[in-house]
Each structure stands twice: as C-alpha cells, then as structure tokens.
Amino acid sequence: MYKPILGLICLALAGTVQAIESRYGQGCAYIKHSREIYCFGGEPFSSASNDMPVFSLDITDKGTMDLKTLEWKTIPKASGDVAPQAASKFMFSPTGDDDSIYIEGGKVCPGCPPNYGYTYSTSKKLWKQMNNYKPIVTTPAVYANGAIWSFGGVTDSQIGLPQKITTLYNIAVKINTTTWNQGYYTSETSTYPQATWDSSMVYSPLDNLLIVIGGYEYLEKSVLVKMDDIIAIDIGEKKYSKLTGTTSLSGSLPESRHGHTAIMDPTNKFVVMFGGCDSNMVGMNDIWLYNIESRTWEKKNTYGTPPSKRCRHSVVVVENYMIVLFGEYLGYATDDIAMALDLNTWTWTSQPVFGSQTNKVEKRGVEEATTTVESSGLSTKATTGVIVSVIFVVLVIIGFMVFCFMRKRNDSRRRLQFAQMADQNTYVALEK
C-alpha cells in the first residue's frame, strides 16, 4: 500500500523549481482558462530522458508578477503515456479549444526516431498521436477558422529519418482539427511563392490572411528573405500573393532575419515583430510594426530595458502583455528567460501587473465591440471590411488586370516538381 502513496508524493513534488534551465527552439502557449503558460521541448537536449519535456507557469489572477523569480513546474509523463521525442524547431500551434496544443516534426534528440503529429491535453496531462504525416522542421504554424495552418519549412536529416535529399516547401498545409485530416492548400487562381523556412507567420482576422515574414529562401544558396518580400495567403479565396509595395516609415526596412516572432497587436491592425538572428546567428531585440493596410514598416520606440538580443525564442500574449520567453544568441541560450512588453504603453518590464485588461478590436474602418486580448496563438473568426473608398475600387480593378496577366503566364506551369540545388547534393520542392 505504500507504493501508491509514494507515487502520489513524487508526482506532487515533481519539478517545482525557482528557475528553469534556459533553452531555445521550444514552443510555448498561454492556456487562458487555467491561466497557465505551457512550454515544450527546446535545446540543449537533456541526457536524462528522450521524452519531450513539458513545463508550466502559473499566471497570477491579479497583481504584480516577478518574471525574474519564476516558479516553473515540470510535468511528468503519465504512466503508460507515449510522448513525442525531445525536439526543437517543431511545428507548434494551439488547437482552438483552449486546452490542447499540437506538435509535429522538429529537430529530434540524437539517435531519436521522428515526431509525427501529437496533441497534448493540458487538463489531462496526456499525449495523443494524431497522424503519421512526414515530419518537417522550422515551419511556422497558427490556428485559424477551425484548422491549423503552416507554410514552408524543411524536411532533412534533423527529423530523425534518413534523408538523401533536403526538401523545401512553398505551399500552405491545412490540418482540420475536427477530423485531423491534412492536405496541401492548393490554388487554381494564383502562383505559389518561393519556399521559405525559419520564418514567422500570423493570421490577420480582419483580412482573412496568413502573412509570412522573413526567414530563409534558396537562391542558388540559402539567403535571408528581404523584409519587403512578404507572402500573403487568403485562406478564404485559396489565393497566394505578395504584399507588394511594402516600404518603411523609419527610413530603412528592418534587417533581414530568421528565428524571429510575430503576433497581431490588440487592434488586429498591425503585425508586431520581435527579435530574430542574422545569418551569423547574431541576435536582435528590436520591435517593428507592420501595417497591413498601408503596407508599411515602422520601428517602434519602446521604454524600459528590453530583453537581451535573441532568436528562436517564444512569445505569448497574456492580457495586454507580450511575454518573451527563452531564446538563443550565437548558439547559446540567453540568460534572461522572461520579459514582458506592455502593448498599450510599449514599456518593457520584468514585473507585469495582471488584472482586467481590455482592448478595442476594429474591422477595417468599422469599430467593433471591446474584447479581451487572448493568446497569440488563438484567433477570432474572419471579418470583412466595408469598402467605401473610390481609390480602393480603382486599386482592385488594377489588381484584377495584373492577376489576369499573371494567371495567363503561369497557369500552364503550376505543378509540383523537384529542382536540384546548384551547390550541394540536395533538392528543393517548388510549386510552380
């Protein structure tokens, strides 16, 4: 009779610590109903276990929280549960039920088998394998309209399977979170963009667009994507396009980067981009806003002391705060694990004050009801702006003429094919 009691004691005491080992390449999400941040995986890998590590952080209901003295809880794997392998740089997204998250692929621990698609229930503390789809690395993912959407990424030897070629992807993938069926989001009316990886992606509910920013592309060799080369995917019209004409209100465009994060601001009008690394893994800690409607970048001046420069970090939104967690600089994990940015005052703080915070969410040109800000991974239903401007109508006509021309030119060559890279024995999968 003592063994069950001992087991309960061990479970109750498991992993409650004053600090947690810093890491990078992990995935983190805010679970609103339980007011907890859950984080998964990351590097450096542990020598103690090959199971995907899970740890959580309670968020105070009201009052000040000191991010420098956090008490993380490690969540042990339930007896008999089959967890994915320890990994980093995996596909990561909430599933839309404010309880579960989805993980697929990633760079697995040395000698470990691949990670297929898994969900993790934060209330039951259980894993469940959902599919056997081919794993992928460094692909961004978001939840929107009853599905998990991803774009780009890489399939290579990091996934835990022998790979004679490296495959890059330039097409969106949709996973229905009711049936868990997965499929390429093909288009009959537009040309596919270039393949990218280690980029960031957000869902704009006002425009019903997936917006892909930065990362790498392949132009005879791997190069960083320019920050005026922004991919837009209309998930209602099944249409791929570029947000052409992107300029900067701050003189120059943001520095090209990978491993950065992006969220929508509380009004859903701006993309908020933080951090990232250049091609030499030198980190950044700047904040940039991208206005989707005007297609302009603006460097945002902030107050307080920002987190150290980093990439491959995580961000979650809790009330009016964007919380930056973990990260990498020059191949090493950063020392300052957590810092919060007040999205109302643009002030960095290690002592956010939580309580009842609301923000106005608007449609394009039409004010809507005041709502509470939720996790960066969870989205509202798409809304349609009211078209009132004659200038906008003219732009639509011009855009339609350009579209007709591009469709005629590219219709005959839009198919999946493989093209050999010039400088190495790898291949890139291109949709044309």
Protein backbone atom coordinates (compact mmCIF):
# COMPACT_ATOMS: atom_id res chain seq x y z
CA MET A 1 0.00 0.00 0.00
CA TYR A 2 3.00 2.28 0.39
CA LYS A 3 3.91 2.29 -3.32
CA PRO A 4 0.78 4.19 -4.49
CA ILE A 5 1.25 6.72 -1.70
CA LEU A 6 4.91 7.18 -2.61
CA GLY A 7 3.95 7.63 -6.26
CA LEU A 8 1.46 10.37 -5.39
CA ILE A 9 4.05 12.15 -3.26
CA CYS A 10 6.62 12.03 -6.09
CA LEU A 11 4.07 13.33 -8.58
CA ALA A 12 3.11 16.19 -6.28
CA LEU A 13 6.74 17.20 -5.78
CA ALA A 14 7.90 16.69 -9.36
CA GLY A 15 9.79 19.57 -10.83
CA THR A 16 8.63 22.64 -8.90
CA VAL A 17 11.69 24.89 -9.09
CA GLN A 18 12.69 28.51 -8.61
CA ALA A 19 14.36 28.67 -12.02
CA ILE A 20 14.43 26.55 -15.14
CA GLU A 21 17.30 25.81 -17.47
CA SER A 22 17.38 28.31 -20.31
CA ARG A 23 16.73 26.92 -23.78
CA TYR A 24 15.88 27.77 -27.38
CA GLY A 25 13.76 26.32 -30.17
CA GLN A 26 10.91 25.44 -27.78
CA GLY A 27 7.18 26.08 -28.22
CA CYS A 28 5.08 28.00 -25.66
CA ALA A 29 1.36 28.79 -25.42
CA TYR A 30 -0.92 30.57 -22.96
CA ILE A 31 -3.90 28.50 -21.76
CA LYS A 32 -6.47 31.10 -20.80
CA HIS A 33 -8.97 29.01 -18.83
CA SER A 34 -6.31 27.79 -16.40
CA ARG A 35 -4.15 30.93 -16.58
CA GLU A 36 -1.01 28.91 -17.31
CA ILE A 37 1.83 29.16 -19.79
CA TYR A 38 2.88 25.76 -21.13
CA CYS A 39 6.25 25.26 -22.82
CA PHE A 40 7.54 22.19 -24.63
CA GLY A 41 10.93 20.91 -25.76
CA GLY A 42 13.85 23.04 -26.85
CA GLU A 43 17.64 22.73 -26.81
CA PRO A 44 20.06 21.85 -25.34
CA PHE A 45 18.69 18.32 -25.11
CA SER A 46 18.71 16.54 -21.76
CA SER A 47 20.85 13.45 -21.24
CA ALA A 48 18.37 12.17 -18.65
CA SER A 49 15.41 11.49 -20.94
CA ASN A 50 14.49 11.44 -24.61
CA ASP A 51 10.84 12.31 -23.91
CA MET A 52 9.51 15.73 -24.88
CA PRO A 53 9.86 17.89 -21.73
CA VAL A 54 6.74 19.75 -20.59
CA PHE A 55 6.70 22.56 -18.05
CA SER A 56 4.15 25.13 -16.95
CA LEU A 57 3.96 28.51 -15.26
CA ASP A 58 1.01 29.83 -13.27
CA ILE A 59 -0.04 33.41 -14.09
CA THR A 60 -1.38 35.42 -11.18
CA ASP A 61 -5.05 36.45 -11.45
CA LYS A 62 -4.47 39.96 -10.18
CA GLY A 63 -1.40 41.82 -9.05
CA THR A 64 2.29 42.01 -9.90
CA MET A 65 4.28 39.02 -11.12
CA ASP A 66 8.08 38.97 -10.88
CA LEU A 67 9.45 37.38 -14.05
CA LYS A 68 12.93 37.14 -12.56
CA THR A 69 11.88 34.66 -9.84
CA LEU A 70 9.51 32.36 -11.69
CA GLU A 71 8.38 29.01 -10.31
CA TRP A 72 8.09 26.60 -13.23
CA LYS A 73 6.56 23.16 -12.81
CA THR A 74 7.88 20.21 -14.77
CA ILE A 75 5.04 17.93 -15.82
CA PRO A 76 5.99 14.25 -15.63
CA LYS A 77 4.80 11.85 -18.31
CA ALA A 78 1.81 9.84 -17.15
CA SER A 79 2.35 6.12 -16.66
CA GLY A 80 1.80 4.30 -19.95
CA ASP A 81 1.61 7.53 -21.97
CA VAL A 82 3.54 7.65 -25.26
CA ALA A 83 5.18 11.06 -25.60
CA PRO A 84 6.94 12.51 -28.65
CA GLN A 85 10.72 12.69 -28.67
CA ALA A 86 12.60 15.63 -27.23
CA ALA A 87 12.91 18.15 -30.05
CA SER A 88 13.32 21.77 -31.07
CA LYS A 89 12.19 23.83 -34.06
CA PHE A 90 8.99 21.77 -34.43
CA MET A 91 5.61 22.83 -35.81
CA PHE A 92 3.67 24.18 -32.82
CA SER A 93 0.13 25.52 -32.53
CA PRO A 94 -2.89 25.67 -30.22
CA THR A 95 -5.79 23.54 -31.45
CA GLY A 96 -8.56 26.06 -30.79
CA ASP A 97 -10.11 24.51 -27.68
CA ASP A 98 -8.06 26.49 -25.11
CA ASP A 99 -6.76 23.23 -23.70
CA SER A 100 -4.65 21.32 -26.22
CA ILE A 101 -1.62 22.08 -28.35
CA TYR A 102 -0.30 20.38 -31.48
CA ILE A 103 3.33 19.39 -32.14
CA GLU A 104 4.78 17.87 -35.31
CA GLY A 105 8.30 17.14 -36.54
CA GLY A 106 11.25 19.21 -35.43
CA LYS A 107 14.92 18.55 -34.86
CA VAL A 108 14.84 15.47 -32.62
CA CYS A 109 17.36 14.41 -30.00
CA PRO A 110 20.43 12.49 -31.29
CA GLY A 111 19.53 8.95 -32.33
CA CYS A 112 15.82 9.52 -31.67
CA PRO A 113 13.01 8.49 -34.05
CA PRO A 114 10.89 11.16 -35.76
CA ASN A 115 7.96 13.02 -34.25
CA TYR A 116 4.72 12.67 -36.15
CA GLY A 117 1.67 14.73 -35.20
CA TYR A 118 0.77 14.77 -31.49
CA THR A 119 -1.67 16.70 -29.34
CA TYR A 120 -1.16 17.39 -25.65
CA SER A 121 -4.09 18.00 -23.30
CA THR A 122 -3.07 20.47 -20.61
CA SER A 123 -6.03 19.46 -18.42
CA LYS A 124 -5.49 15.68 -18.67
CA LYS A 125 -1.69 15.90 -18.99
CA LEU A 126 -1.78 13.31 -21.77
CA TRP A 127 -0.27 12.97 -25.24
CA LYS A 128 -2.13 11.52 -28.24
CA GLN A 129 -0.67 10.72 -31.64
CA MET A 130 -2.95 12.13 -34.36
CA ASN A 131 -1.25 11.21 -37.65
CA ASN A 132 1.79 9.75 -39.42
CA TYR A 133 2.48 12.63 -41.78
CA LYS A 134 6.05 13.23 -42.86
CA PRO A 135 7.77 15.43 -40.24
CA ILE A 136 9.06 18.90 -41.01
CA VAL A 137 11.44 21.40 -39.37
CA THR A 138 11.31 25.20 -38.89
CA THR A 139 7.81 25.69 -40.26
CA PRO A 140 5.60 28.35 -38.61
CA ALA A 141 2.02 27.44 -37.73
CA VAL A 142 -1.11 29.23 -36.47
CA TYR A 143 -4.67 28.27 -35.61
CA ALA A 144 -7.50 29.92 -37.56
CA ASN A 145 -11.04 29.03 -38.60
CA GLY A 146 -11.11 25.50 -37.23
CA ALA A 147 -7.74 24.46 -38.63
CA ILE A 148 -4.00 24.57 -38.01
CA TRP A 149 -2.19 26.26 -40.88
CA SER A 150 1.51 26.02 -41.68
CA PHE A 151 3.69 27.29 -44.51
CA GLY A 152 7.16 26.38 -45.73
CA GLY A 153 9.74 24.52 -43.72
CA VAL A 154 12.33 21.84 -44.40
CA THR A 155 12.48 18.05 -44.43
CA ASP A 156 16.05 16.85 -43.84
CA SER A 157 18.04 14.52 -41.59
CA GLN A 158 17.17 16.56 -38.47
CA ILE A 159 13.71 14.94 -38.37
CA GLY A 160 15.09 11.54 -37.33
CA LEU A 161 14.67 9.73 -40.67
CA PRO A 162 17.39 9.07 -43.27
CA GLN A 163 17.15 11.72 -46.00
CA LYS A 164 19.13 11.62 -49.24
CA ILE A 165 17.69 14.97 -50.25
CA THR A 166 16.59 18.12 -48.48
CA THR A 167 13.07 19.20 -49.41
CA LEU A 168 11.89 22.78 -49.06
CA TYR A 169 8.21 23.67 -49.20
CA ASN A 170 6.41 26.66 -50.69
CA ILE A 171 2.81 25.71 -50.08
CA ALA A 172 0.47 26.02 -47.11
CA VAL A 173 -0.76 22.93 -45.28
CA LYS A 174 -4.15 22.78 -43.55
CA ILE A 175 -4.91 20.38 -40.69
CA ASN A 176 -8.61 20.15 -39.82
CA THR A 177 -8.78 19.98 -36.01
CA THR A 178 -12.10 18.09 -36.08
CA THR A 179 -11.15 15.27 -38.46
CA TRP A 180 -7.35 15.73 -38.25
CA ASN A 181 -7.11 15.31 -41.99
CA GLN A 182 -4.17 17.13 -43.54
CA GLY A 183 -3.72 18.41 -47.06
CA TYR A 184 -1.86 20.90 -49.24
CA TYR A 185 -3.74 24.16 -49.70
CA THR A 186 -3.62 24.24 -53.48
CA SER A 187 -4.70 27.17 -55.61
CA GLU A 188 -6.11 27.24 -59.13
CA THR A 189 -6.01 31.01 -59.41
CA SER A 190 -2.57 32.12 -58.27
CA THR A 191 1.14 31.39 -58.49
CA TYR A 192 2.87 29.90 -55.47
CA PRO A 193 5.58 31.96 -53.73
CA GLN A 194 9.15 30.86 -53.07
CA ALA A 195 9.94 28.20 -50.48
CA THR A 196 10.86 29.68 -47.08
CA TRP A 197 11.86 28.30 -43.69
CA ASP A 198 12.53 29.60 -40.18
CA SER A 199 10.11 32.44 -40.91
CA SER A 200 7.24 33.78 -38.81
CA MET A 201 3.54 33.71 -39.66
CA VAL A 202 0.44 35.40 -38.27
CA TYR A 203 -3.26 35.23 -39.06
CA SER A 204 -5.00 38.57 -39.70
CA PRO A 205 -8.72 38.11 -38.91
CA LEU A 206 -9.59 41.47 -40.45
CA ASP A 207 -8.22 40.40 -43.83
CA ASN A 208 -8.58 36.60 -43.53
CA LEU A 209 -4.92 36.33 -44.48
CA LEU A 210 -1.96 34.28 -43.37
CA ILE A 211 1.05 36.60 -43.51
CA VAL A 212 4.55 35.09 -43.76
CA ILE A 213 7.54 37.28 -42.89
CA GLY A 214 11.28 36.75 -43.12
CA GLY A 215 13.23 33.53 -42.74
CA TYR A 216 15.40 31.89 -45.39
CA GLU A 217 14.85 31.19 -49.08
CA TYR A 218 17.02 29.42 -51.66
CA LEU A 219 18.59 31.48 -54.46
CA GLU A 220 21.47 29.23 -55.60
CA LYS A 221 22.31 29.23 -51.89
CA SER A 222 20.43 29.88 -48.66
CA VAL A 223 19.80 33.61 -48.18
CA LEU A 224 17.63 35.63 -45.84
CA VAL A 225 14.32 36.86 -47.23
CA LYS A 226 14.11 40.63 -47.68
CA MET A 227 11.65 42.33 -45.38
CA ASP A 228 9.65 43.87 -48.22
CA ASP A 229 9.05 40.40 -49.69
CA ILE A 230 6.01 39.44 -47.63
CA ILE A 231 3.82 36.46 -48.53
CA ALA A 232 0.04 36.64 -48.10
CA ILE A 233 -2.27 33.62 -48.27
CA ASP A 234 -6.02 34.25 -48.49
CA ILE A 235 -7.49 31.19 -46.77
CA GLY A 236 -11.00 32.03 -47.94
CA GLU A 237 -10.21 32.53 -51.62
CA LYS A 238 -7.37 29.98 -51.81
CA LYS A 239 -5.09 32.64 -53.20
CA TYR A 240 -1.34 33.23 -52.80
CA SER A 241 0.08 36.72 -53.31
CA LYS A 242 2.75 39.17 -52.17
CA LEU A 243 2.15 42.38 -50.22
CA THR A 244 3.93 44.37 -52.89
CA GLY A 245 4.91 47.98 -52.44
CA THR A 246 5.98 47.47 -48.83
CA THR A 247 8.03 50.43 -47.57
CA SER A 248 9.37 51.75 -44.28
CA LEU A 249 8.30 54.83 -42.34
CA SER A 250 11.61 54.63 -40.46
CA GLY A 251 13.91 55.24 -43.41
CA SER A 252 15.15 51.71 -43.97
CA LEU A 253 13.47 48.33 -43.84
CA PRO A 254 14.00 46.02 -40.87
CA GLU A 255 17.15 43.94 -41.06
CA SER A 256 16.51 40.55 -42.67
CA ARG A 257 16.25 37.83 -40.05
CA HIS A 258 15.20 34.31 -39.13
CA GLY A 259 14.01 32.72 -35.90
CA HIS A 260 12.00 35.86 -35.02
CA THR A 261 8.46 36.02 -33.65
CA ALA A 262 5.37 37.87 -34.82
CA ILE A 263 1.91 38.42 -33.35
CA MET A 264 -1.07 40.62 -34.17
CA ASP A 265 -1.41 43.69 -31.95
CA PRO A 266 -4.55 44.13 -29.77
CA THR A 267 -6.37 46.04 -32.55
CA ASN A 268 -5.54 43.37 -35.16
CA LYS A 269 -4.26 46.11 -37.48
CA PHE A 270 -0.50 45.66 -37.03
CA VAL A 271 1.94 42.79 -37.01
CA VAL A 272 4.30 43.11 -34.03
CA MET A 273 7.70 41.58 -34.84
CA PHE A 274 10.37 40.98 -32.21
CA GLY A 275 13.96 39.77 -32.38
CA GLY A 276 15.49 37.20 -34.69
CA CYS A 277 19.04 36.48 -35.85
CA ASP A 278 21.08 37.34 -38.91
CA SER A 279 22.85 34.68 -40.97
CA ASN A 280 25.71 34.60 -38.43
CA MET A 281 23.32 33.88 -35.53
CA VAL A 282 23.80 37.38 -34.12
CA GLY A 283 20.57 38.21 -32.33
CA MET A 284 18.32 41.27 -32.36
CA ASN A 285 15.90 42.72 -29.80
CA ASP A 286 14.09 45.39 -31.79
CA ILE A 287 10.33 45.86 -32.16
CA TRP A 288 8.84 46.58 -35.59
CA LEU A 289 5.22 47.17 -36.54
CA TYR A 290 3.87 46.20 -39.95
CA ASN A 291 0.70 48.00 -41.04
CA ILE A 292 -1.13 45.50 -43.24
CA GLU A 293 -3.48 48.07 -44.77
CA SER A 294 -0.81 50.63 -45.75
CA ARG A 295 1.94 48.01 -46.22
CA THR A 296 4.47 49.95 -44.18
CA TRP A 297 7.07 49.00 -41.59
CA GLU A 298 7.79 51.27 -38.62
CA LYS A 299 10.40 50.74 -35.94
CA LYS A 300 8.65 51.09 -32.61
CA ASN A 301 10.38 53.04 -29.88
CA THR A 302 9.92 51.30 -26.55
CA TYR A 303 10.53 52.24 -22.92
CA GLY A 304 12.32 50.35 -20.20
CA THR A 305 15.06 47.76 -20.63
CA PRO A 306 14.35 45.25 -23.41
CA PRO A 307 15.30 41.58 -23.23
CA SER A 308 18.74 40.64 -24.49
CA LYS A 309 19.16 40.05 -28.22
CA ARG A 310 17.91 36.65 -29.35
CA CYS A 311 16.24 34.36 -31.85
CA ARG A 312 14.37 31.04 -31.65
CA HIS A 313 12.54 32.35 -28.61
CA SER A 314 8.80 32.17 -27.88
CA VAL A 315 6.20 34.84 -27.22
CA VAL A 316 2.76 34.53 -25.65
CA VAL A 317 0.13 37.21 -25.12
CA VAL A 318 -1.44 37.45 -21.66
CA GLU A 319 -3.95 40.28 -21.31
CA ASN A 320 -2.16 43.39 -22.60
CA TYR A 321 1.36 41.92 -22.32
CA MET A 322 3.52 40.15 -24.86
CA ILE A 323 5.81 37.90 -22.82
CA VAL A 324 9.14 36.91 -24.40
CA LEU A 325 10.46 33.53 -23.24
CA PHE A 326 13.89 31.90 -23.64
CA GLY A 327 15.95 32.23 -26.85
CA GLU A 328 19.37 31.84 -28.47
CA TYR A 329 22.29 34.13 -29.22
CA LEU A 330 25.40 32.93 -31.11
CA GLY A 331 24.47 29.32 -30.44
CA TYR A 332 23.92 29.69 -26.69
CA ALA A 333 20.76 30.01 -24.64
CA THR A 334 20.10 33.51 -23.28
CA ASP A 335 20.37 34.10 -19.53
CA ASP A 336 17.30 36.32 -19.11
CA ILE A 337 14.45 33.86 -19.52
CA ALA A 338 11.39 36.12 -19.43
CA MET A 339 10.46 39.75 -20.08
CA ALA A 340 7.10 41.40 -20.79
CA LEU A 341 6.14 44.20 -23.17
CA ASP A 342 3.03 46.24 -22.35
CA LEU A 343 1.29 46.54 -25.73
CA ASN A 344 -0.62 49.62 -24.56
CA THR A 345 2.33 51.70 -23.34
CA TRP A 346 5.16 49.90 -25.22
CA THR A 347 7.11 49.55 -21.98
CA TRP A 348 9.34 46.59 -21.19
CA THR A 349 9.05 45.27 -17.65
CA SER A 350 10.03 42.26 -15.55
CA GLN A 351 7.08 42.93 -13.25
CA PRO A 352 3.85 42.90 -15.28
CA VAL A 353 0.64 43.75 -13.42
CA PHE A 354 -2.21 41.42 -14.32
CA GLY A 355 -5.89 42.12 -13.87
CA SER A 356 -8.86 43.04 -16.02
CA GLN A 357 -7.45 44.44 -19.26
CA THR A 358 -9.50 45.13 -22.39
CA ASN A 359 -8.65 46.41 -25.82
CA LYS A 360 -10.69 47.60 -28.76
CA VAL A 361 -10.76 45.42 -31.82
CA GLU A 362 -11.89 47.00 -35.06
CA LYS A 363 -12.77 45.94 -38.54
CA ARG A 364 -11.25 47.87 -41.41
CA GLY A 365 -12.94 51.25 -40.96
CA VAL A 366 -15.70 49.96 -38.63
CA GLU A 367 -15.41 49.94 -34.84
CA GLU A 368 -16.43 46.73 -33.12
CA ALA A 369 -17.13 45.66 -29.54
CA THR A 370 -14.43 45.78 -26.89
CA THR A 371 -12.90 42.35 -26.26
CA THR A 372 -10.27 40.87 -24.00
CA VAL A 373 -6.87 40.08 -25.51
CA GLU A 374 -6.14 36.34 -25.66
CA SER A 375 -3.17 34.14 -26.51
CA SER A 376 -1.14 34.95 -29.59
CA GLY A 377 -1.93 31.51 -30.95
CA LEU A 378 -5.73 31.81 -30.83
CA SER A 379 -7.69 33.74 -33.48
CA THR A 380 -11.16 35.16 -33.91
CA LYS A 381 -13.35 34.46 -36.92
CA ALA A 382 -12.51 36.34 -40.04
CA THR A 383 -14.33 39.60 -40.63
CA THR A 384 -14.85 41.56 -43.81
CA GLY A 385 -14.12 45.28 -44.04
CA VAL A 386 -16.61 47.69 -45.59
CA ILE A 387 -15.41 49.04 -48.95
CA VAL A 388 -16.19 52.76 -49.10
CA SER A 389 -13.24 54.30 -50.93
CA VAL A 390 -13.22 55.01 -54.64
CA ILE A 391 -9.43 54.74 -54.56
CA PHE A 392 -9.71 51.23 -53.20
CA VAL A 393 -12.05 50.25 -56.03
CA VAL A 394 -9.54 51.56 -58.57
CA LEU A 395 -6.78 49.54 -56.93
CA VAL A 396 -8.97 46.43 -57.06
CA ILE A 397 -9.50 46.91 -60.80
CA ILE A 398 -5.78 47.37 -61.40
CA GLY A 399 -5.02 44.33 -59.26
CA PHE A 400 -7.53 42.24 -61.25
CA MET A 401 -5.85 43.21 -64.51
CA VAL A 402 -2.45 42.23 -63.13
CA PHE A 403 -3.89 38.98 -61.82
CA CYS A 404 -5.33 38.05 -65.21
CA PHE A 405 -1.96 38.66 -66.83
CA MET A 406 -0.07 36.62 -64.24
CA ARG A 407 -2.56 33.76 -64.39
CA LYS A 408 -2.25 33.51 -68.14
CA ARG A 409 1.54 33.47 -67.89
CA ASN A 410 1.78 30.90 -65.10
CA ASP A 411 -1.28 28.67 -65.46
CA SER A 412 0.47 26.14 -67.64
CA ARG A 413 3.41 25.60 -65.26
CA ARG A 414 1.76 25.36 -61.85
CA ARG A 415 2.62 21.85 -60.71
CA LEU A 416 4.80 20.23 -58.06
CA GLN A 417 8.31 19.46 -59.26
CA PHE A 418 11.82 19.00 -57.92
CA ALA A 419 14.82 21.08 -58.97
CA GLN A 420 18.37 20.24 -57.97
CA MET A 421 20.25 22.87 -55.98
CA ALA A 422 23.45 24.06 -57.58
CA ASP A 423 25.96 23.92 -54.74
CA GLN A 424 25.09 20.76 -52.81
CA ASN A 425 23.52 17.34 -53.17
CA THR A 426 20.08 18.46 -52.07
CA TYR A 427 16.79 19.21 -53.72
CA VAL A 428 14.11 21.80 -53.28
CA ALA A 429 10.42 21.11 -53.80
CA LEU A 430 8.95 24.02 -55.70
CA GLU A 431 5.35 24.72 -56.63
CA LYS A 432 5.21 26.49 -59.98
